[in-house]
Structure formats: C-alpha cells, structure tokens
N, C-alpha and C. Protein backbone atom coordinates (compact mmCIF):
# COMPACT_ATOMS: atom_id res chain seq x y z
N UNK A 1 0.03 12.05 10.96
CA UNK A 1 -1.30 12.70 11.24
C UNK A 1 -2.07 13.14 12.89
N UNK A 2 -1.19 12.57 13.64
CA UNK A 2 -1.50 13.10 14.97
C UNK A 2 -1.00 14.59 14.98
N UNK A 3 0.20 15.74 14.20
CA UNK A 3 0.43 16.36 14.77
C UNK A 3 -0.72 17.93 14.19
N UNK A 4 -1.34 17.11 12.99
CA UNK A 4 -1.95 18.24 13.45
C UNK A 4 -3.33 18.42 13.51
N UNK A 5 -4.14 17.72 14.71
CA UNK A 5 -5.38 17.37 15.08
C UNK A 5 -5.14 18.10 16.00
N UNK A 6 -6.57 18.77 16.58
CA UNK A 6 -7.45 19.12 17.58
C UNK A 6 -8.60 18.43 17.69
N UNK A 7 -7.32 18.45 19.54
CA UNK A 7 -8.44 16.80 19.86
C UNK A 7 -9.50 17.63 21.26
N UNK A 8 -10.72 16.54 20.71
CA UNK A 8 -11.83 17.75 21.25
C UNK A 8 -12.34 16.77 22.29
N UNK A 9 -12.34 15.37 22.17
CA UNK A 9 -13.04 14.72 23.21
C UNK A 9 -12.57 13.18 23.52
N UNK A 10 -12.02 12.72 24.48
CA UNK A 10 -11.18 11.03 24.86
C UNK A 10 -12.25 10.57 25.53
N UNK A 11 -12.46 9.33 25.40
CA UNK A 11 -13.14 8.19 26.06
C UNK A 11 -11.79 6.80 25.99
N UNK A 12 -12.52 6.58 27.15
CA UNK A 12 -11.84 4.87 27.08
C UNK A 12 -12.90 3.37 25.79
N UNK A 13 -11.90 3.09 26.21
CA UNK A 13 -12.90 1.62 24.72
C UNK A 13 -14.17 1.65 25.22
N UNK A 14 -13.75 1.16 26.70
CA UNK A 14 -15.66 0.62 27.05
C UNK A 14 -16.95 2.06 27.23
N UNK A 15 -16.11 3.59 27.64
CA UNK A 15 -17.47 4.35 27.26
C UNK A 15 -17.49 4.32 26.18
N UNK A 16 -16.77 4.46 24.76
CA UNK A 16 -17.12 4.20 23.63
C UNK A 16 -17.73 3.90 23.14
N UNK A 17 -18.07 1.51 23.67
CA UNK A 17 -18.75 1.31 22.91
C UNK A 17 -20.06 1.38 23.60
N UNK A 18 -20.25 1.77 25.19
CA UNK A 18 -21.46 1.96 25.78
C UNK A 18 -21.95 3.00 25.36
N UNK A 19 -21.26 4.01 25.08
CA UNK A 19 -22.59 4.96 24.92
C UNK A 19 -23.13 5.01 23.21
N UNK A 20 -21.92 4.29 22.55
CA UNK A 20 -22.41 3.79 20.96
C UNK A 20 -23.37 2.28 20.97
N UNK A 21 -23.16 1.93 21.87
CA UNK A 21 -24.08 0.65 22.08
C UNK A 21 -23.13 -0.38 21.52
N UNK A 22 -22.40 -0.47 21.38
CA UNK A 22 -21.67 -2.04 20.58
C UNK A 22 -21.12 -2.59 21.63
N UNK A 23 -21.18 -3.83 21.33
CA UNK A 23 -20.10 -4.85 22.51
C UNK A 23 -19.65 -4.98 21.35
N UNK A 24 -18.88 -4.97 20.39
CA UNK A 24 -17.35 -4.47 19.34
C UNK A 24 -16.74 -3.91 19.01
N UNK A 25 -15.28 -3.97 18.64
CA UNK A 25 -14.62 -2.20 17.57
C UNK A 25 -13.82 -3.95 17.12
N UNK A 26 -13.80 -3.51 15.50
CA UNK A 26 -12.98 -4.30 14.57
C UNK A 26 -11.52 -3.21 13.95
N UNK A 27 -10.66 -4.08 14.19
CA UNK A 27 -9.39 -3.35 14.10
C UNK A 27 -9.17 -3.74 12.12
N UNK A 28 -9.74 -3.48 11.15
CA UNK A 28 -9.21 -3.70 9.79
C UNK A 28 -7.86 -3.15 9.53
N UNK A 29 -7.46 -3.96 8.33
CA UNK A 29 -6.48 -2.93 7.05
C UNK A 29 -7.03 -2.84 5.16
N UNK A 30 -6.98 -1.88 5.10
CA UNK A 30 -7.21 -1.86 3.58
C UNK A 30 -6.07 -2.25 2.28
N UNK A 31 -6.28 -3.24 2.38
CA UNK A 31 -5.72 -3.64 1.70
C UNK A 31 -4.86 -3.13 0.39
N UNK A 32 -5.36 -2.48 -0.37
CA UNK A 32 -5.42 -1.36 -1.42
C UNK A 32 -3.97 -0.60 -1.16
N UNK A 33 -5.04 0.48 0.08
CA UNK A 33 -3.50 1.54 0.40
C UNK A 33 -2.78 1.07 2.03
N UNK A 34 -3.40 -0.32 2.83
CA UNK A 34 -2.37 -0.62 3.53
C UNK A 34 -3.24 0.53 4.91
N UNK A 35 -3.97 1.85 5.17
CA UNK A 35 -4.31 2.16 6.26
C UNK A 35 -5.18 1.28 7.08
N UNK A 36 -4.66 0.99 8.44
CA UNK A 36 -6.18 0.85 9.55
C UNK A 36 -7.47 1.53 9.88
N UNK A 37 -7.95 0.86 9.51
CA UNK A 37 -9.52 1.10 10.31
C UNK A 37 -9.95 0.39 11.50
N UNK A 38 -10.99 1.24 11.93
CA UNK A 38 -11.70 0.62 13.17
C UNK A 38 -13.10 0.81 12.67
N UNK A 39 -13.76 -0.18 12.81
CA UNK A 39 -15.58 -0.27 13.06
C UNK A 39 -16.65 -0.70 13.70
N UNK A 40 -17.35 0.27 14.21
CA UNK A 40 -18.09 -0.24 15.39
C UNK A 40 -19.38 0.19 14.88
N UNK A 41 -20.21 -1.29 14.73
CA UNK A 41 -21.35 -1.12 13.99
C UNK A 41 -21.67 -0.99 12.36
N UNK A 42 -22.35 0.13 12.00
CA UNK A 42 -22.25 0.41 10.51
C UNK A 42 -20.99 1.21 10.88
N UNK A 43 -20.52 2.15 11.40
CA UNK A 43 -19.80 2.94 11.00
C UNK A 43 -18.10 2.59 11.70
N UNK A 44 -17.55 3.73 10.56
CA UNK A 44 -15.98 3.60 10.90
C UNK A 44 -15.37 4.78 11.13
N UNK A 45 -13.74 4.47 12.13
CA UNK A 45 -13.20 5.57 12.34
C UNK A 45 -11.72 5.01 12.25
N UNK A 46 -10.65 6.46 12.25
CA UNK A 46 -8.88 6.13 11.70
C UNK A 46 -8.36 5.90 12.98
N UNK A 47 -7.05 5.40 12.96
CA UNK A 47 -6.39 4.41 13.70
C UNK A 47 -4.87 5.44 13.36
N UNK A 48 -4.49 5.42 14.76
CA UNK A 48 -3.01 6.13 14.28
C UNK A 48 -2.05 4.90 14.24
N UNK A 49 -0.95 5.58 13.69
CA UNK A 49 0.38 4.56 13.06
C UNK A 49 0.37 3.86 14.20
N UNK A 50 0.61 3.83 15.43
CA UNK A 50 0.24 2.87 16.52
C UNK A 50 -0.51 1.65 16.04
N UNK A 51 -1.53 2.18 15.69
CA UNK A 51 -1.97 0.42 15.80
C UNK A 51 -1.58 -0.78 14.83
N UNK A 52 -1.01 0.20 13.59
CA UNK A 52 -0.53 -0.15 12.27
C UNK A 52 0.76 -0.94 13.21
N UNK A 53 1.63 -0.22 13.82
CA UNK A 53 3.31 -0.94 14.49
C UNK A 53 2.72 -1.92 15.69
N UNK A 54 1.53 -1.89 16.26
CA UNK A 54 1.36 -2.77 16.77
C UNK A 54 1.54 -2.42 18.57
N UNK A 55 2.21 -1.35 18.35
CA UNK A 55 2.60 -0.38 19.54
C UNK A 55 1.47 -0.38 20.43
N UNK A 56 0.01 -0.04 20.23
CA UNK A 56 -1.32 0.49 20.88
C UNK A 56 -1.09 -0.62 22.06
N UNK A 57 -1.00 -0.13 23.14
CA UNK A 57 -1.32 -0.49 24.76
C UNK A 57 -2.54 -0.74 25.79
N UNK A 58 -2.53 1.30 25.21
CA UNK A 58 -3.58 1.19 25.71
C UNK A 58 -4.39 2.30 25.00
N UNK A 59 -5.27 1.64 24.45
CA UNK A 59 -6.03 2.26 23.43
C UNK A 59 -7.33 3.20 23.99
N UNK A 60 -7.26 4.13 23.33
CA UNK A 60 -8.79 4.68 23.79
C UNK A 60 -8.92 5.64 22.09
N UNK A 61 -10.50 6.29 22.28
CA UNK A 61 -10.73 6.77 20.82
C UNK A 61 -11.27 8.07 21.21
N UNK A 62 -10.88 9.23 20.51
CA UNK A 62 -11.22 10.99 20.07
C UNK A 62 -11.51 11.20 19.12
N UNK A 63 -12.42 11.93 19.43
CA UNK A 63 -13.00 12.32 18.70
C UNK A 63 -12.30 13.85 18.21
N UNK A 64 -12.24 14.35 16.69
CA UNK A 64 -10.49 14.90 16.66
C UNK A 64 -10.99 15.84 14.97
N UNK A 65 -10.32 16.75 15.52
CA UNK A 65 -10.87 18.11 14.56
C UNK A 65 -9.38 18.47 13.11
N UNK A 66 -9.21 17.50 11.89
CA UNK A 66 -8.57 18.21 11.44
C UNK A 66 -8.11 19.83 11.44
N UNK A 67 -6.76 20.44 12.14
CA UNK A 67 -6.42 21.51 10.92
C UNK A 67 -6.38 22.08 9.98
N UNK A 68 -6.11 21.36 8.49
CA UNK A 68 -6.57 21.43 7.55
C UNK A 68 -7.52 21.38 7.05
N UNK A 69 -8.65 20.44 7.03
CA UNK A 69 -9.79 20.64 6.23
C UNK A 69 -11.01 21.00 7.44
N UNK A 70 -10.41 20.95 8.37
CA UNK A 70 -11.51 21.37 9.37
C UNK A 70 -12.88 19.84 9.88
N UNK A 71 -12.00 18.63 8.79
CA UNK A 71 -13.26 17.60 9.20
C UNK A 71 -13.40 17.01 10.37
N UNK A 72 -14.17 16.70 10.97
CA UNK A 72 -14.04 15.81 12.41
C UNK A 72 -14.15 14.67 12.09
N UNK A 73 -13.96 13.75 13.28
CA UNK A 73 -13.72 12.56 12.87
C UNK A 73 -13.58 11.96 13.94
N UNK A 74 -13.19 10.57 14.11
CA UNK A 74 -12.79 9.29 14.94
C UNK A 74 -11.75 8.89 14.86
N UNK A 75 -10.57 8.90 16.28
CA UNK A 75 -9.08 7.81 15.97
C UNK A 75 -9.58 7.48 17.09
N UNK A 76 -9.18 6.04 16.60
CA UNK A 76 -8.04 5.28 17.56
C UNK A 76 -7.14 5.91 18.06
N UNK A 77 -5.91 5.73 18.92
CA UNK A 77 -4.70 6.11 19.21
C UNK A 77 -4.30 6.06 20.87
N UNK A 78 -3.66 6.03 20.87
CA UNK A 78 -2.82 4.88 22.55
C UNK A 78 -2.80 6.42 23.16
N UNK A 79 -3.04 6.09 23.90
CA UNK A 79 -2.94 7.25 25.20
C UNK A 79 -2.34 7.75 25.73
N UNK A 80 -2.32 9.25 26.27
CA UNK A 80 -1.02 9.83 25.91
C UNK A 80 -0.74 11.19 24.34
N UNK A 81 -1.33 10.27 23.70
CA UNK A 81 -1.20 10.93 22.40
C UNK A 81 -2.21 11.55 22.00
N UNK A 82 -1.20 13.03 21.47
CA UNK A 82 -2.58 14.30 22.02
C UNK A 82 -2.26 15.07 21.72
N UNK A 83 -0.36 15.23 22.69
CA UNK A 83 -0.24 16.85 23.02
C UNK A 83 -0.62 16.27 24.65
N UNK A 84 -1.18 15.39 25.23
CA UNK A 84 -1.19 15.65 26.81
C UNK A 84 -0.48 14.96 27.39
N UNK A 85 -0.18 14.90 28.45
CA UNK A 85 0.56 13.88 29.55
C UNK A 85 -0.68 13.90 30.19
N UNK A 86 -0.72 12.69 30.57
CA UNK A 86 -1.10 11.87 31.53
C UNK A 86 -0.62 12.13 33.25
N UNK A 87 -1.09 13.02 34.53
CA UNK A 87 -0.13 13.02 35.54
C UNK A 87 -1.06 12.38 37.12
N UNK A 88 -1.77 11.57 36.58
CA UNK A 88 -2.41 11.06 37.34
C UNK A 88 -4.07 10.44 36.47
N UNK A 89 -4.17 9.23 36.90
CA UNK A 89 -6.16 8.48 37.15
C UNK A 89 -6.04 8.51 38.55
N UNK A 90 -7.81 9.19 39.10
CA UNK A 90 -8.12 8.71 39.83
C UNK A 90 -9.70 8.29 39.97
C-alpha cells in the first residue's frame, strides 16, 4: 500500500493525540478482512503492514494521499516508511 502514497504531513503519536484531543488510540483488526485499523475517538485510520506483523517499533501517523484514487486518509506506520530517510532528530 505505501508505494502509491504521497505523504503530506507526519506527526508523532503524542502530537496526533494532542492535536485531536484524544487520550488513547486503539489498534484493531477487522475479523472479516484480517486488516488492521486504528481508532481515535469516533474516527478511524489505516495501518501499514508493519502494524499487522508486529514490526512497528517507532510509530508515527501521517496524512497521506493515494496516487490511484486521490483519497486522503490517515496512516499509522513505522517512522521512516514513505521514502524519506531520517538523518537526524534535533
């Protein structure tokens, strides 16, 4: 999924929670499709495969745009996914 996405804005989980005024984010699995998603308040967002495989060690949330459909949505993913390498954190 991440290959056809344009990353518009990325923030830490703490920044996201503060910006959306939520105390917790829950990651859930749709038992019919097997796909994971995250829930904050009454809203939802998508999860990258690393969430499903347990490889998520440094989670961030990005606003992304699908190159195929033009849809804009939120994605919980591993920091560094999306084609940009972090060189330093200051």
